[in-house]
Amino acid sequence: MSKPIWHLAISDLHAGSNFALIPPDTLARPKRITPEMSDFQRKMYGTQNAARLVAAQFYNDVMELLKVMPKCSYAWIGGDCVEGNRGHDGGLVDANTKSQEMMAVELLVEILKAAGHPKVYGCRGTPYHVTADGGGESDDSVYAQLPNMQAWEDTLFAEACGLTWRLSHFIARSSVAHGKQTPLAKEIVKNTLSVAMDTEPDVDILLFGHVHYCVSAGYPMSRKRAYTLPTLKMRGEAYGRRFNDFYDVGMMLFKQEKEGAPLQEYPLKVRTASRKPKVYRA
């Protein structure tokens, strides 16, 4: 019996944010409390130190997931590798996009190494995040430095293991809890129409990032399936804390029993970022 084929899918790394993965040597330590500090400065110290401890735990939890990572044949990266210098959360480790790119490369190399150095495909993310200092796009710079990188595009089409894949960052968001699959179903139908119009190849698997929640859609009698991928950024910043929607942190694994076989889904959920909120007793 042949060995199964594994695919790793990750998206929205947002390196550079205080609430994304931060390499240990980059994790800033707040200054010590001194008698000269004001009450506000002391409070800020406590906040920064707490954030640092959570970030360290987040990094460690992701590294634990990598220890059980199967050897993957392919990796799919859905863009927004960096946070960019326009963060609306006020929580940047470093606003310099070159530094963020170096962080993203270091983190992705670590993940891809754990996955057995698969062939890598990528797509570009949101210009708001990935426009680099001095022009260009940070996703381009990050992808160019990854080992075994095969190709990246705004929207990428690839044939792998008997399936045709479409990798794109952007997809509409549904604010209706029971309607999360609707944008994905629209994309499936859109591809069907695009094939009839001869403007796109006939796609089996559609992958999207951007929305930071993980859902799938498809039809039992059809080979087509579509997924939105989880993020590798916690929701601790001001925008994320107030964001009233589903938010999934982790990675996705897909398994094929043989070439051309349908995918089996294995979400990898990060424990640190999945805690329930505190409930106060009135």
C-alpha atoms as a PDB file:
ATOM      1  CA  MET A   1       0.000   0.000   0.000  1.00  0.00           C
ATOM      2  CA  SER A   2       1.379   3.416  -0.971  1.00  0.00           C
ATOM      3  CA  LYS A   3       2.085   6.049   1.649  1.00  0.00           C
ATOM      4  CA  PRO A   4      -0.461   8.870   2.030  1.00  0.00           C
ATOM      5  CA  ILE A   5       0.327  12.290   0.578  1.00  0.00           C
ATOM      6  CA  TRP A   6       0.264  15.226   2.991  1.00  0.00           C
ATOM      7  CA  HIS A   7      -0.257  18.925   2.236  1.00  0.00           C
ATOM      8  CA  LEU A   8       0.360  21.772   4.712  1.00  0.00           C
ATOM      9  CA  ALA A   9      -1.629  25.003   4.330  1.00  0.00           C
ATOM     10  CA  ILE A  10      -0.814  28.144   6.328  1.00  0.00           C
ATOM     11  CA  SER A  11      -1.829  31.760   5.943  1.00  0.00           C
ATOM     12  CA  ASP A  12      -1.748  35.195   7.542  1.00  0.00           C
ATOM     13  CA  LEU A  13       1.475  34.888   9.525  1.00  0.00           C
ATOM     14  CA  HIS A  14       1.543  38.676  10.143  1.00  0.00           C
ATOM     15  CA  ALA A  15       5.161  38.633  11.352  1.00  0.00           C
ATOM     16  CA  GLY A  16       6.022  41.872  13.118  1.00  0.00           C
ATOM     17  CA  SER A  17       2.849  42.051  15.186  1.00  0.00           C
ATOM     18  CA  ASN A  18       3.134  41.636  18.955  1.00  0.00           C
ATOM     19  CA  PHE A  19       0.402  39.022  18.647  1.00  0.00           C
ATOM     20  CA  ALA A  20       1.933  36.969  15.844  1.00  0.00           C
ATOM     21  CA  LEU A  21       4.673  34.365  16.145  1.00  0.00           C
ATOM     22  CA  ILE A  22       7.830  36.061  17.397  1.00  0.00           C
ATOM     23  CA  PRO A  23      11.237  34.339  17.216  1.00  0.00           C
ATOM     24  CA  PRO A  24      12.661  34.010  20.759  1.00  0.00           C
ATOM     25  CA  ASP A  25      15.700  36.161  20.006  1.00  0.00           C
ATOM     26  CA  THR A  26      13.406  38.958  18.767  1.00  0.00           C
ATOM     27  CA  LEU A  27      11.009  38.954  21.725  1.00  0.00           C
ATOM     28  CA  ALA A  28      11.551  42.329  23.378  1.00  0.00           C
ATOM     29  CA  ARG A  29      11.938  42.447  27.144  1.00  0.00           C
ATOM     30  CA  PRO A  30      10.353  45.506  28.813  1.00  0.00           C
ATOM     31  CA  LYS A  31      12.508  47.763  30.945  1.00  0.00           C
ATOM     32  CA  ARG A  32      12.726  47.100  34.684  1.00  0.00           C
ATOM     33  CA  ILE A  33      10.485  48.991  37.076  1.00  0.00           C
ATOM     34  CA  THR A  34      12.346  51.883  38.682  1.00  0.00           C
ATOM     35  CA  PRO A  35      11.333  54.250  41.509  1.00  0.00           C
ATOM     36  CA  GLU A  36      11.176  57.103  38.990  1.00  0.00           C
ATOM     37  CA  MET A  37       8.388  55.455  36.967  1.00  0.00           C
ATOM     38  CA  SER A  38       4.941  57.007  37.073  1.00  0.00           C
ATOM     39  CA  ASP A  39       1.861  54.925  37.872  1.00  0.00           C
ATOM     40  CA  PHE A  40       1.036  54.885  34.155  1.00  0.00           C
ATOM     41  CA  GLN A  41       4.524  53.632  33.268  1.00  0.00           C
ATOM     42  CA  ARG A  42       4.261  50.896  35.900  1.00  0.00           C
ATOM     43  CA  LYS A  43       0.905  49.814  34.479  1.00  0.00           C
ATOM     44  CA  MET A  44       2.343  49.760  30.961  1.00  0.00           C
ATOM     45  CA  TYR A  45       5.239  47.625  32.198  1.00  0.00           C
ATOM     46  CA  GLY A  46       2.794  45.051  33.527  1.00  0.00           C
ATOM     47  CA  THR A  47       0.871  45.045  30.239  1.00  0.00           C
ATOM     48  CA  GLN A  48       4.021  44.650  28.139  1.00  0.00           C
ATOM     49  CA  ASN A  49       5.401  41.899  30.346  1.00  0.00           C
ATOM     50  CA  ALA A  50       2.110  39.986  30.229  1.00  0.00           C
ATOM     51  CA  ALA A  51       2.019  40.316  26.434  1.00  0.00           C
ATOM     52  CA  ARG A  52       5.604  39.037  26.225  1.00  0.00           C
ATOM     53  CA  LEU A  53       4.761  35.964  28.311  1.00  0.00           C
ATOM     54  CA  VAL A  54       1.689  35.178  26.183  1.00  0.00           C
ATOM     55  CA  ALA A  55       3.739  35.598  22.979  1.00  0.00           C
ATOM     56  CA  ALA A  56       6.398  33.222  24.331  1.00  0.00           C
ATOM     57  CA  GLN A  57       3.747  30.624  25.207  1.00  0.00           C
ATOM     58  CA  PHE A  58       2.140  31.034  21.772  1.00  0.00           C
ATOM     59  CA  TYR A  59       5.487  30.395  20.064  1.00  0.00           C
ATOM     60  CA  ASN A  60       6.162  27.338  22.249  1.00  0.00           C
ATOM     61  CA  ASP A  61       2.715  25.872  21.540  1.00  0.00           C
ATOM     62  CA  VAL A  62       3.238  26.191  17.784  1.00  0.00           C
ATOM     63  CA  MET A  63       6.665  24.553  18.116  1.00  0.00           C
ATOM     64  CA  GLU A  64       4.976  21.642  19.950  1.00  0.00           C
ATOM     65  CA  LEU A  65       2.601  21.191  16.999  1.00  0.00           C
ATOM     66  CA  LEU A  66       5.596  21.026  14.670  1.00  0.00           C
ATOM     67  CA  LYS A  67       6.974  18.036  16.588  1.00  0.00           C
ATOM     68  CA  VAL A  68       4.088  15.875  15.356  1.00  0.00           C
ATOM     69  CA  MET A  69       4.012  17.319  11.835  1.00  0.00           C
ATOM     70  CA  PRO A  70       3.955  14.569   9.165  1.00  0.00           C
ATOM     71  CA  LYS A  71       6.334  14.705   6.216  1.00  0.00           C
ATOM     72  CA  CYS A  72       4.483  16.843   3.673  1.00  0.00           C
ATOM     73  CA  SER A  73       4.901  16.795  -0.087  1.00  0.00           C
ATOM     74  CA  TYR A  74       3.472  20.293  -0.622  1.00  0.00           C
ATOM     75  CA  ALA A  75       2.990  23.501   1.359  1.00  0.00           C
ATOM     76  CA  TRP A  76       0.534  26.264   0.425  1.00  0.00           C
ATOM     77  CA  ILE A  77       1.022  29.766   1.868  1.00  0.00           C
ATOM     78  CA  GLY A  78      -1.916  32.172   1.644  1.00  0.00           C
ATOM     79  CA  GLY A  79      -0.201  35.560   1.920  1.00  0.00           C
ATOM     80  CA  ASP A  80       0.051  38.346   4.524  1.00  0.00           C
ATOM     81  CA  CYS A  81       3.405  37.012   5.712  1.00  0.00           C
ATOM     82  CA  VAL A  82       4.076  40.317   7.515  1.00  0.00           C
ATOM     83  CA  GLU A  83       1.984  42.796   9.496  1.00  0.00           C
ATOM     84  CA  GLY A  84       3.412  45.879   7.757  1.00  0.00           C
ATOM     85  CA  ASN A  85       4.031  49.324   9.211  1.00  0.00           C
ATOM     86  CA  ARG A  86       0.409  50.452   9.065  1.00  0.00           C
ATOM     87  CA  GLY A  87      -0.818  48.419  12.023  1.00  0.00           C
ATOM     88  CA  HIS A  88      -4.004  49.823  13.527  1.00  0.00           C
ATOM     89  CA  ASP A  89      -3.498  47.899  16.769  1.00  0.00           C
ATOM     90  CA  GLY A  90      -0.506  49.851  18.074  1.00  0.00           C
ATOM     91  CA  GLY A  91       1.310  46.578  18.683  1.00  0.00           C
ATOM     92  CA  LEU A  92       4.316  46.150  16.404  1.00  0.00           C
ATOM     93  CA  VAL A  93       7.512  44.395  17.409  1.00  0.00           C
ATOM     94  CA  ASP A  94       9.294  46.340  14.677  1.00  0.00           C
ATOM     95  CA  ALA A  95       7.711  48.755  12.180  1.00  0.00           C
ATOM     96  CA  ASN A  96      10.548  48.202   9.695  1.00  0.00           C
ATOM     97  CA  THR A  97       9.226  45.907   6.969  1.00  0.00           C
ATOM     98  CA  LYS A  98      12.689  44.474   6.211  1.00  0.00           C
ATOM     99  CA  SER A  99      12.946  43.316   9.825  1.00  0.00           C
ATOM    100  CA  GLN A 100       9.461  41.829   9.571  1.00  0.00           C
ATOM    101  CA  GLU A 101      10.437  39.984   6.397  1.00  0.00           C
ATOM    102  CA  MET A 102      13.463  38.479   8.169  1.00  0.00           C
ATOM    103  CA  MET A 103      11.195  37.326  11.009  1.00  0.00           C
ATOM    104  CA  ALA A 104       8.729  35.794   8.539  1.00  0.00           C
ATOM    105  CA  VAL A 105      11.488  33.929   6.685  1.00  0.00           C
ATOM    106  CA  GLU A 106      12.938  32.581   9.944  1.00  0.00           C
ATOM    107  CA  LEU A 107       9.530  31.364  11.133  1.00  0.00           C
ATOM    108  CA  LEU A 108       8.454  29.858   7.814  1.00  0.00           C
ATOM    109  CA  VAL A 109      11.784  28.060   7.365  1.00  0.00           C
ATOM    110  CA  GLU A 110      11.268  26.510  10.817  1.00  0.00           C
ATOM    111  CA  ILE A 111       7.752  25.359   9.906  1.00  0.00           C
ATOM    112  CA  LEU A 112       8.771  24.020   6.487  1.00  0.00           C
ATOM    113  CA  LYS A 113      11.733  22.174   7.990  1.00  0.00           C
ATOM    114  CA  ALA A 114       9.370  20.419  10.417  1.00  0.00           C
ATOM    115  CA  ALA A 115       7.136  19.525   7.455  1.00  0.00           C
ATOM    116  CA  GLY A 116      10.015  17.765   5.702  1.00  0.00           C
ATOM    117  CA  HIS A 117      11.014  20.500   3.218  1.00  0.00           C
ATOM    118  CA  PRO A 118       7.958  20.254   0.926  1.00  0.00           C
ATOM    119  CA  LYS A 119       7.529  21.989  -2.408  1.00  0.00           C
ATOM    120  CA  VAL A 120       6.132  25.444  -1.619  1.00  0.00           C
ATOM    121  CA  TYR A 121       3.558  27.554  -3.462  1.00  0.00           C
ATOM    122  CA  GLY A 122       2.299  30.970  -2.363  1.00  0.00           C
ATOM    123  CA  CYS A 123       0.089  33.928  -3.148  1.00  0.00           C
ATOM    124  CA  ARG A 124       0.360  37.610  -2.298  1.00  0.00           C
ATOM    125  CA  GLY A 125      -1.687  39.126   0.520  1.00  0.00           C
ATOM    126  CA  THR A 126      -3.323  42.465   1.289  1.00  0.00           C
ATOM    127  CA  PRO A 127      -1.408  45.549   0.049  1.00  0.00           C
ATOM    128  CA  TYR A 128      -2.345  47.234   3.354  1.00  0.00           C
ATOM    129  CA  HIS A 129      -0.099  44.736   5.131  1.00  0.00           C
ATOM    130  CA  VAL A 130       2.514  43.685   2.586  1.00  0.00           C
ATOM    131  CA  THR A 131       3.491  46.957   0.853  1.00  0.00           C
ATOM    132  CA  ALA A 132       7.172  47.253   1.767  1.00  0.00           C
ATOM    133  CA  ASP A 133       9.147  50.314   2.799  1.00  0.00           C
ATOM    134  CA  GLY A 134      10.473  51.892  -0.384  1.00  0.00           C
ATOM    135  CA  GLY A 135       8.030  50.040  -2.645  1.00  0.00           C
ATOM    136  CA  GLY A 136       7.432  46.485  -3.706  1.00  0.00           C
ATOM    137  CA  GLU A 137       5.675  43.815  -1.665  1.00  0.00           C
ATOM    138  CA  SER A 138       7.047  42.035   1.388  1.00  0.00           C
ATOM    139  CA  ASP A 139       5.425  38.736   0.414  1.00  0.00           C
ATOM    140  CA  ASP A 140       7.611  38.733  -2.724  1.00  0.00           C
ATOM    141  CA  SER A 141      10.737  39.198  -0.624  1.00  0.00           C
ATOM    142  CA  VAL A 142       9.744  36.484   1.851  1.00  0.00           C
ATOM    143  CA  TYR A 143       8.836  33.916  -0.806  1.00  0.00           C
ATOM    144  CA  ALA A 144      12.065  34.540  -2.715  1.00  0.00           C
ATOM    145  CA  GLN A 145      14.068  33.443   0.353  1.00  0.00           C
ATOM    146  CA  LEU A 146      12.173  30.236   1.174  1.00  0.00           C
ATOM    147  CA  PRO A 147      13.793  26.875   0.341  1.00  0.00           C
ATOM    148  CA  ASN A 148      12.055  24.747  -2.295  1.00  0.00           C
ATOM    149  CA  MET A 149       9.811  27.653  -3.345  1.00  0.00           C
ATOM    150  CA  GLN A 150       8.209  26.712  -6.658  1.00  0.00           C
ATOM    151  CA  ALA A 151       6.075  29.734  -7.591  1.00  0.00           C
ATOM    152  CA  TRP A 152       3.880  32.521  -6.257  1.00  0.00           C
ATOM    153  CA  GLU A 153       1.286  34.797  -7.855  1.00  0.00           C
ATOM    154  CA  ASP A 154      -1.595  37.089  -6.922  1.00  0.00           C
ATOM    155  CA  THR A 155      -3.780  34.077  -7.711  1.00  0.00           C
ATOM    156  CA  LEU A 156      -1.894  30.839  -8.230  1.00  0.00           C
ATOM    157  CA  PHE A 157      -3.027  27.723 -10.098  1.00  0.00           C
ATOM    158  CA  ALA A 158      -1.078  24.483  -9.712  1.00  0.00           C
ATOM    159  CA  GLU A 159      -1.467  20.787 -10.484  1.00  0.00           C
ATOM    160  CA  ALA A 160      -0.360  18.589  -7.602  1.00  0.00           C
ATOM    161  CA  CYS A 161      -1.057  14.939  -6.816  1.00  0.00           C
ATOM    162  CA  GLY A 162      -3.819  14.528  -9.371  1.00  0.00           C
ATOM    163  CA  LEU A 163      -5.713  17.663  -8.297  1.00  0.00           C
ATOM    164  CA  THR A 164      -5.789  21.223  -9.627  1.00  0.00           C
ATOM    165  CA  TRP A 165      -5.391  23.852  -6.903  1.00  0.00           C
ATOM    166  CA  ARG A 166      -6.281  27.544  -6.773  1.00  0.00           C
ATOM    167  CA  LEU A 167      -4.559  29.620  -4.077  1.00  0.00           C
ATOM    168  CA  SER A 168      -5.723  33.185  -3.478  1.00  0.00           C
ATOM    169  CA  HIS A 169      -5.655  35.507  -0.470  1.00  0.00           C
ATOM    170  CA  PHE A 170      -8.840  37.520  -0.942  1.00  0.00           C
ATOM    171  CA  ILE A 171     -12.364  36.294  -0.299  1.00  0.00           C
ATOM    172  CA  ALA A 172     -15.525  38.015   0.918  1.00  0.00           C
ATOM    173  CA  ARG A 173     -16.372  37.783   4.609  1.00  0.00           C
ATOM    174  CA  SER A 174     -19.790  36.759   5.860  1.00  0.00           C
ATOM    175  CA  SER A 175     -20.871  38.216   9.207  1.00  0.00           C
ATOM    176  CA  VAL A 176     -23.697  35.677   9.452  1.00  0.00           C
ATOM    177  CA  ALA A 177     -22.662  32.684  11.570  1.00  0.00           C
ATOM    178  CA  HIS A 178     -24.617  30.194   9.460  1.00  0.00           C
ATOM    179  CA  GLY A 179     -23.493  31.799   6.202  1.00  0.00           C
ATOM    180  CA  LYS A 180     -19.721  31.389   6.399  1.00  0.00           C
ATOM    181  CA  GLN A 181     -19.746  28.879   3.552  1.00  0.00           C
ATOM    182  CA  THR A 182     -21.672  31.189   1.201  1.00  0.00           C
ATOM    183  CA  PRO A 183     -18.617  33.105  -0.140  1.00  0.00           C
ATOM    184  CA  LEU A 184     -16.861  29.771  -0.713  1.00  0.00           C
ATOM    185  CA  ALA A 185     -19.862  28.345  -2.572  1.00  0.00           C
ATOM    186  CA  LYS A 186     -19.870  31.478  -4.743  1.00  0.00           C
ATOM    187  CA  GLU A 187     -16.202  30.894  -5.591  1.00  0.00           C
ATOM    188  CA  ILE A 188     -16.917  27.278  -6.564  1.00  0.00           C
ATOM    189  CA  VAL A 189     -19.740  28.373  -8.883  1.00  0.00           C
ATOM    190  CA  LYS A 190     -17.585  31.214 -10.223  1.00  0.00           C
ATOM    191  CA  ASN A 191     -14.865  28.736 -11.184  1.00  0.00           C
ATOM    192  CA  THR A 192     -17.428  26.522 -12.920  1.00  0.00           C
ATOM    193  CA  LEU A 193     -18.604  29.509 -14.976  1.00  0.00           C
ATOM    194  CA  SER A 194     -15.011  30.621 -15.647  1.00  0.00           C
ATOM    195  CA  VAL A 195     -14.247  27.179 -17.072  1.00  0.00           C
ATOM    196  CA  ALA A 196     -17.230  27.507 -19.423  1.00  0.00           C
ATOM    197  CA  MET A 197     -15.943  30.955 -20.464  1.00  0.00           C
ATOM    198  CA  ASP A 198     -12.397  29.559 -20.877  1.00  0.00           C
ATOM    199  CA  THR A 199     -10.906  32.121 -18.458  1.00  0.00           C
ATOM    200  CA  GLU A 200      -9.759  29.720 -15.692  1.00  0.00           C
ATOM    201  CA  PRO A 201      -8.685  26.086 -15.446  1.00  0.00           C
ATOM    202  CA  ASP A 202     -11.109  23.606 -13.913  1.00  0.00           C
ATOM    203  CA  VAL A 203     -10.121  23.617 -10.234  1.00  0.00           C
ATOM    204  CA  ASP A 204     -10.600  20.885  -7.625  1.00  0.00           C
ATOM    205  CA  ILE A 205      -9.354  22.656  -4.481  1.00  0.00           C
ATOM    206  CA  LEU A 206      -9.715  26.379  -3.712  1.00  0.00           C
ATOM    207  CA  LEU A 207      -7.732  27.855  -0.787  1.00  0.00           C
ATOM    208  CA  PHE A 208      -8.204  31.365   0.650  1.00  0.00           C
ATOM    209  CA  GLY A 209      -6.746  33.387   3.521  1.00  0.00           C
ATOM    210  CA  HIS A 210      -7.669  36.882   4.699  1.00  0.00           C
ATOM    211  CA  VAL A 211     -10.703  36.222   6.908  1.00  0.00           C
ATOM    212  CA  HIS A 212      -8.856  34.492   9.793  1.00  0.00           C
ATOM    213  CA  TYR A 213     -11.461  31.774  10.255  1.00  0.00           C
ATOM    214  CA  CYS A 214     -11.413  28.201   8.996  1.00  0.00           C
ATOM    215  CA  VAL A 215     -14.453  26.821   7.163  1.00  0.00           C
ATOM    216  CA  SER A 216     -14.985  24.625   4.122  1.00  0.00           C
ATOM    217  CA  ALA A 217     -17.637  24.189   1.461  1.00  0.00           C
ATOM    218  CA  GLY A 218     -18.343  21.715  -1.291  1.00  0.00           C
ATOM    219  CA  TYR A 219     -20.870  19.329  -2.708  1.00  0.00           C
ATOM    220  CA  PRO A 220     -20.826  15.582  -1.912  1.00  0.00           C
ATOM    221  CA  MET A 221     -21.319  14.640  -5.571  1.00  0.00           C
ATOM    222  CA  SER A 222     -18.661  17.085  -6.795  1.00  0.00           C
ATOM    223  CA  ARG A 223     -14.882  16.888  -6.532  1.00  0.00           C
ATOM    224  CA  LYS A 224     -14.653  20.646  -5.879  1.00  0.00           C
ATOM    225  CA  ARG A 225     -13.971  21.860  -2.336  1.00  0.00           C
ATOM    226  CA  ALA A 226     -13.083  25.303  -1.011  1.00  0.00           C
ATOM    227  CA  TYR A 227     -11.475  26.346   2.272  1.00  0.00           C
ATOM    228  CA  THR A 228     -10.641  29.487   4.197  1.00  0.00           C
ATOM    229  CA  LEU A 229      -7.452  28.990   6.199  1.00  0.00           C
ATOM    230  CA  PRO A 230      -6.777  29.847   9.852  1.00  0.00           C
ATOM    231  CA  THR A 231      -4.291  32.548  10.828  1.00  0.00           C
ATOM    232  CA  LEU A 232      -1.058  32.310  12.808  1.00  0.00           C
ATOM    233  CA  LYS A 233      -1.770  35.551  14.656  1.00  0.00           C
ATOM    234  CA  MET A 234      -3.566  35.823  17.998  1.00  0.00           C
ATOM    235  CA  ARG A 235      -6.445  38.248  18.426  1.00  0.00           C
ATOM    236  CA  GLY A 236      -4.971  40.201  21.340  1.00  0.00           C
ATOM    237  CA  GLU A 237      -4.582  43.590  19.654  1.00  0.00           C
ATOM    238  CA  ALA A 238      -7.186  46.355  20.052  1.00  0.00           C
ATOM    239  CA  TYR A 239      -8.906  45.554  16.748  1.00  0.00           C
ATOM    240  CA  GLY A 240      -8.863  41.798  17.275  1.00  0.00           C
ATOM    241  CA  ARG A 241     -10.206  41.936  20.842  1.00  0.00           C
ATOM    242  CA  ARG A 242     -13.259  43.877  19.699  1.00  0.00           C
ATOM    243  CA  PHE A 243     -13.755  41.887  16.527  1.00  0.00           C
ATOM    244  CA  ASN A 244     -17.129  40.172  16.908  1.00  0.00           C
ATOM    245  CA  ASP A 245     -16.681  37.155  14.673  1.00  0.00           C
ATOM    246  CA  PHE A 246     -15.152  33.698  14.588  1.00  0.00           C
ATOM    247  CA  TYR A 247     -11.357  33.662  14.719  1.00  0.00           C
ATOM    248  CA  ASP A 248      -9.289  30.510  14.190  1.00  0.00           C
ATOM    249  CA  VAL A 249      -5.578  30.287  14.974  1.00  0.00           C
ATOM    250  CA  GLY A 250      -3.497  27.427  13.632  1.00  0.00           C
ATOM    251  CA  MET A 251      -2.631  25.544  10.443  1.00  0.00           C
ATOM    252  CA  MET A 252      -4.334  23.035   8.142  1.00  0.00           C
ATOM    253  CA  LEU A 253      -3.165  19.601   7.070  1.00  0.00           C
ATOM    254  CA  PHE A 254      -4.701  17.764   4.130  1.00  0.00           C
ATOM    255  CA  LYS A 255      -4.200  14.051   3.527  1.00  0.00           C
ATOM    256  CA  GLN A 256      -4.613  12.116   0.282  1.00  0.00           C
ATOM    257  CA  GLU A 257      -4.622   8.321   0.408  1.00  0.00           C
ATOM    258  CA  LYS A 258      -3.303   8.253  -3.151  1.00  0.00           C
ATOM    259  CA  GLU A 259      -2.794  10.576  -6.116  1.00  0.00           C
ATOM    260  CA  GLY A 260      -6.095  12.018  -7.312  1.00  0.00           C
ATOM    261  CA  ALA A 261      -7.938  10.987  -4.133  1.00  0.00           C
ATOM    262  CA  PRO A 262     -10.154  13.514  -2.301  1.00  0.00           C
ATOM    263  CA  LEU A 263      -8.697  15.441   0.632  1.00  0.00           C
ATOM    264  CA  GLN A 264      -9.118  14.579   4.290  1.00  0.00           C
ATOM    265  CA  GLU A 265      -8.940  17.627   6.583  1.00  0.00           C
ATOM    266  CA  TYR A 266      -6.867  17.834   9.771  1.00  0.00           C
ATOM    267  CA  PRO A 267      -6.946  21.286  11.431  1.00  0.00           C
ATOM    268  CA  LEU A 268      -4.075  22.064  13.824  1.00  0.00           C
ATOM    269  CA  LYS A 269      -5.450  24.355  16.516  1.00  0.00           C
ATOM    270  CA  VAL A 270      -3.072  26.401  18.699  1.00  0.00           C
ATOM    271  CA  ARG A 271      -3.964  25.961  22.372  1.00  0.00           C
ATOM    272  CA  THR A 272      -2.731  29.356  23.628  1.00  0.00           C
ATOM    273  CA  ALA A 273      -4.932  31.293  21.248  1.00  0.00           C
ATOM    274  CA  SER A 274      -8.045  29.201  21.885  1.00  0.00           C
ATOM    275  CA  ARG A 275      -8.828  30.001  25.507  1.00  0.00           C
ATOM    276  CA  LYS A 276     -12.323  30.941  26.573  1.00  0.00           C
ATOM    277  CA  PRO A 277     -12.872  34.470  27.946  1.00  0.00           C
ATOM    278  CA  LYS A 278     -13.007  35.074  31.683  1.00  0.00           C
ATOM    279  CA  VAL A 279     -16.519  34.954  33.163  1.00  0.00           C
ATOM    280  CA  TYR A 280     -17.106  37.368  36.056  1.00  0.00           C
ATOM    281  CA  ARG A 281     -19.445  36.397  38.882  1.00  0.00           C
ATOM    282  CA  ALA A 282     -21.938  39.221  39.478  1.00  0.00           C
END
